[in-house]
């Protein structure tokens, strides 16, 4: 699912990427970067409040990342 989500994001198919990342971030194999990319896609899709939640989750997991 992660590879599919990344592929959709890279070719600017953000609604499809959002669906895939939504599944990915719920899995045990989810990486912190998946949460960040999910937040990016949500923001691109105009879901800023939801994106903010995921940016916060990512920030807690990767405290050294200053983005």
N, C-alpha and C. Protein backbone atom coordinates (compact mmCIF):
# COMPACT_ATOMS: atom_id res chain seq x y z
N UNK A 1 0.83 -1.19 0.00
CA UNK A 1 0.00 0.00 0.00
C UNK A 1 0.87 1.25 0.00
N UNK A 2 1.98 1.17 0.73
CA UNK A 2 2.89 2.31 0.83
C UNK A 2 3.42 2.70 -0.56
N UNK A 3 3.85 1.73 -1.34
CA UNK A 3 4.38 2.03 -2.67
C UNK A 3 3.30 2.61 -3.58
N UNK A 4 2.10 2.11 -3.48
CA UNK A 4 1.00 2.63 -4.28
C UNK A 4 0.69 4.07 -3.89
N UNK A 5 0.65 4.34 -2.60
CA UNK A 5 0.39 5.70 -2.12
C UNK A 5 1.47 6.65 -2.61
N UNK A 6 2.73 6.25 -2.51
CA UNK A 6 3.83 7.09 -2.98
C UNK A 6 3.72 7.34 -4.48
N UNK A 7 3.37 6.31 -5.22
CA UNK A 7 3.23 6.45 -6.67
C UNK A 7 2.14 7.44 -7.03
N UNK A 8 0.99 7.32 -6.41
CA UNK A 8 -0.10 8.26 -6.68
C UNK A 8 0.32 9.69 -6.33
N UNK A 9 1.01 9.85 -5.21
CA UNK A 9 1.45 11.18 -4.80
C UNK A 9 2.41 11.78 -5.82
N UNK A 10 3.31 10.97 -6.32
CA UNK A 10 4.32 11.45 -7.26
C UNK A 10 3.74 11.83 -8.62
N UNK A 11 2.61 11.26 -8.98
CA UNK A 11 2.00 11.63 -10.26
C UNK A 11 0.79 12.54 -10.06
N UNK A 12 0.73 13.15 -8.87
CA UNK A 12 -0.29 14.15 -8.55
C UNK A 12 -1.73 13.64 -8.58
N UNK A 13 -1.92 12.39 -8.24
CA UNK A 13 -3.26 11.84 -8.08
C UNK A 13 -3.54 11.80 -6.57
N UNK A 14 -3.77 13.00 -6.03
CA UNK A 14 -3.84 13.16 -4.59
C UNK A 14 -5.04 12.51 -3.93
N UNK A 15 -6.23 12.50 -4.54
CA UNK A 15 -7.34 11.79 -3.89
C UNK A 15 -7.05 10.29 -3.72
N UNK A 16 -6.43 9.69 -4.74
CA UNK A 16 -6.09 8.27 -4.66
C UNK A 16 -4.98 8.05 -3.62
N UNK A 17 -4.01 8.96 -3.61
CA UNK A 17 -2.92 8.85 -2.63
C UNK A 17 -3.47 8.95 -1.21
N UNK A 18 -4.42 9.84 -1.01
CA UNK A 18 -5.02 10.00 0.32
C UNK A 18 -5.65 8.70 0.79
N UNK A 19 -6.38 8.04 -0.06
CA UNK A 19 -7.03 6.77 0.32
C UNK A 19 -5.99 5.72 0.70
N UNK A 20 -4.93 5.64 -0.08
CA UNK A 20 -3.89 4.64 0.20
C UNK A 20 -3.12 4.97 1.49
N UNK A 21 -2.76 6.24 1.66
CA UNK A 21 -2.05 6.62 2.89
C UNK A 21 -2.94 6.41 4.11
N UNK A 22 -4.24 6.65 3.97
CA UNK A 22 -5.15 6.45 5.10
C UNK A 22 -5.09 5.00 5.58
N UNK A 23 -4.99 4.07 4.65
CA UNK A 23 -4.87 2.66 5.03
C UNK A 23 -3.48 2.38 5.59
N UNK A 24 -2.47 2.98 4.97
CA UNK A 24 -1.08 2.71 5.38
C UNK A 24 -0.80 3.18 6.80
N UNK A 25 -1.27 4.37 7.16
CA UNK A 25 -0.94 4.90 8.49
C UNK A 25 -1.62 4.11 9.60
N UNK A 26 -2.60 3.32 9.26
CA UNK A 26 -3.27 2.48 10.26
C UNK A 26 -2.57 1.14 10.46
N UNK A 27 -1.65 0.80 9.58
CA UNK A 27 -0.99 -0.51 9.65
C UNK A 27 0.19 -0.47 10.61
N UNK A 28 0.60 -1.63 11.06
CA UNK A 28 1.75 -1.76 11.95
C UNK A 28 3.06 -1.47 11.22
N UNK A 29 3.05 -1.54 9.90
CA UNK A 29 4.26 -1.32 9.11
C UNK A 29 4.46 0.15 8.74
N UNK A 30 3.57 0.99 9.17
CA UNK A 30 3.63 2.40 8.84
C UNK A 30 4.88 3.05 9.41
N UNK A 31 5.53 3.88 8.59
CA UNK A 31 6.72 4.60 9.01
C UNK A 31 6.34 6.06 9.31
N UNK A 32 7.14 6.76 10.09
CA UNK A 32 6.84 8.16 10.36
C UNK A 32 6.69 9.00 9.08
N UNK A 33 7.52 8.75 8.08
CA UNK A 33 7.44 9.51 6.83
C UNK A 33 6.10 9.31 6.14
N UNK A 34 5.49 8.16 6.32
CA UNK A 34 4.16 7.91 5.75
C UNK A 34 3.13 8.85 6.37
N UNK A 35 3.27 9.10 7.64
CA UNK A 35 2.36 10.02 8.33
C UNK A 35 2.56 11.45 7.82
N UNK A 36 3.81 11.82 7.58
CA UNK A 36 4.11 13.14 7.04
C UNK A 36 3.53 13.30 5.63
N UNK A 37 3.74 12.30 4.81
CA UNK A 37 3.23 12.36 3.44
C UNK A 37 1.70 12.35 3.41
N UNK A 38 1.11 11.61 4.33
CA UNK A 38 -0.35 11.62 4.44
C UNK A 38 -0.83 13.03 4.78
N UNK A 39 -0.15 13.68 5.71
CA UNK A 39 -0.50 15.06 6.07
C UNK A 39 -0.36 15.99 4.87
N UNK A 40 0.70 15.82 4.08
CA UNK A 40 0.88 16.64 2.89
C UNK A 40 -0.27 16.47 1.91
N UNK A 41 -0.66 15.22 1.69
CA UNK A 41 -1.74 14.93 0.74
C UNK A 41 -3.06 15.49 1.26
N UNK A 42 -3.31 15.32 2.54
CA UNK A 42 -4.53 15.89 3.12
C UNK A 42 -4.56 17.41 2.93
N UNK A 43 -3.44 18.06 3.17
CA UNK A 43 -3.38 19.50 3.00
C UNK A 43 -3.63 19.89 1.55
N UNK A 44 -3.03 19.18 0.63
CA UNK A 44 -3.23 19.44 -0.80
C UNK A 44 -4.69 19.26 -1.17
N UNK A 45 -5.36 18.31 -0.54
CA UNK A 45 -6.76 18.04 -0.83
C UNK A 45 -7.71 18.97 -0.06
N UNK A 46 -7.15 19.97 0.63
CA UNK A 46 -7.96 20.96 1.32
C UNK A 46 -8.46 20.55 2.69
N UNK A 47 -7.90 19.50 3.25
CA UNK A 47 -8.32 19.00 4.56
C UNK A 47 -7.28 19.41 5.60
N UNK A 48 -7.20 20.72 5.80
CA UNK A 48 -6.12 21.29 6.61
C UNK A 48 -6.18 20.91 8.09
N UNK A 49 -7.36 20.84 8.66
CA UNK A 49 -7.46 20.45 10.08
C UNK A 49 -6.98 19.02 10.29
N UNK A 50 -7.38 18.13 9.42
CA UNK A 50 -6.93 16.74 9.51
C UNK A 50 -5.43 16.66 9.26
N UNK A 51 -4.93 17.43 8.31
CA UNK A 51 -3.50 17.46 8.01
C UNK A 51 -2.71 17.92 9.23
N UNK A 52 -3.20 18.92 9.93
CA UNK A 52 -2.53 19.44 11.11
C UNK A 52 -2.36 18.35 12.17
N UNK A 53 -3.38 17.54 12.32
CA UNK A 53 -3.32 16.42 13.28
C UNK A 53 -2.17 15.47 12.92
N UNK A 54 -2.04 15.14 11.64
CA UNK A 54 -1.02 14.20 11.21
C UNK A 54 0.37 14.82 11.23
N UNK A 55 0.46 16.13 10.94
CA UNK A 55 1.76 16.80 11.09
C UNK A 55 2.21 16.73 12.54
N UNK A 56 1.29 16.91 13.48
CA UNK A 56 1.63 16.84 14.90
C UNK A 56 2.09 15.44 15.30
N UNK A 57 1.41 14.44 14.79
CA UNK A 57 1.81 13.05 15.08
C UNK A 57 3.22 12.81 14.56
N UNK A 58 3.48 13.26 13.33
CA UNK A 58 4.81 13.10 12.75
C UNK A 58 5.86 13.83 13.58
N UNK A 59 5.56 15.06 13.98
CA UNK A 59 6.51 15.86 14.76
C UNK A 59 6.89 15.19 16.07
N UNK A 60 5.95 14.51 16.69
CA UNK A 60 6.24 13.79 17.93
C UNK A 60 7.14 12.58 17.69
N UNK A 61 6.98 11.95 16.53
CA UNK A 61 7.77 10.77 16.20
C UNK A 61 9.17 11.14 15.73
N UNK A 62 9.29 12.25 15.04
CA UNK A 62 10.58 12.68 14.46
C UNK A 62 10.93 14.07 14.97
N UNK A 63 11.30 14.15 16.22
CA UNK A 63 11.53 15.44 16.86
C UNK A 63 12.74 16.17 16.28
N UNK A 64 13.64 15.48 15.63
CA UNK A 64 14.82 16.13 15.06
C UNK A 64 14.53 16.79 13.70
N UNK A 65 13.41 16.46 13.10
CA UNK A 65 13.03 17.05 11.81
C UNK A 65 12.43 18.44 12.07
N UNK A 66 13.03 19.46 11.51
CA UNK A 66 12.63 20.84 11.79
C UNK A 66 11.62 21.39 10.78
N UNK A 67 11.07 20.53 9.91
CA UNK A 67 10.09 21.02 8.94
C UNK A 67 8.93 21.57 9.65
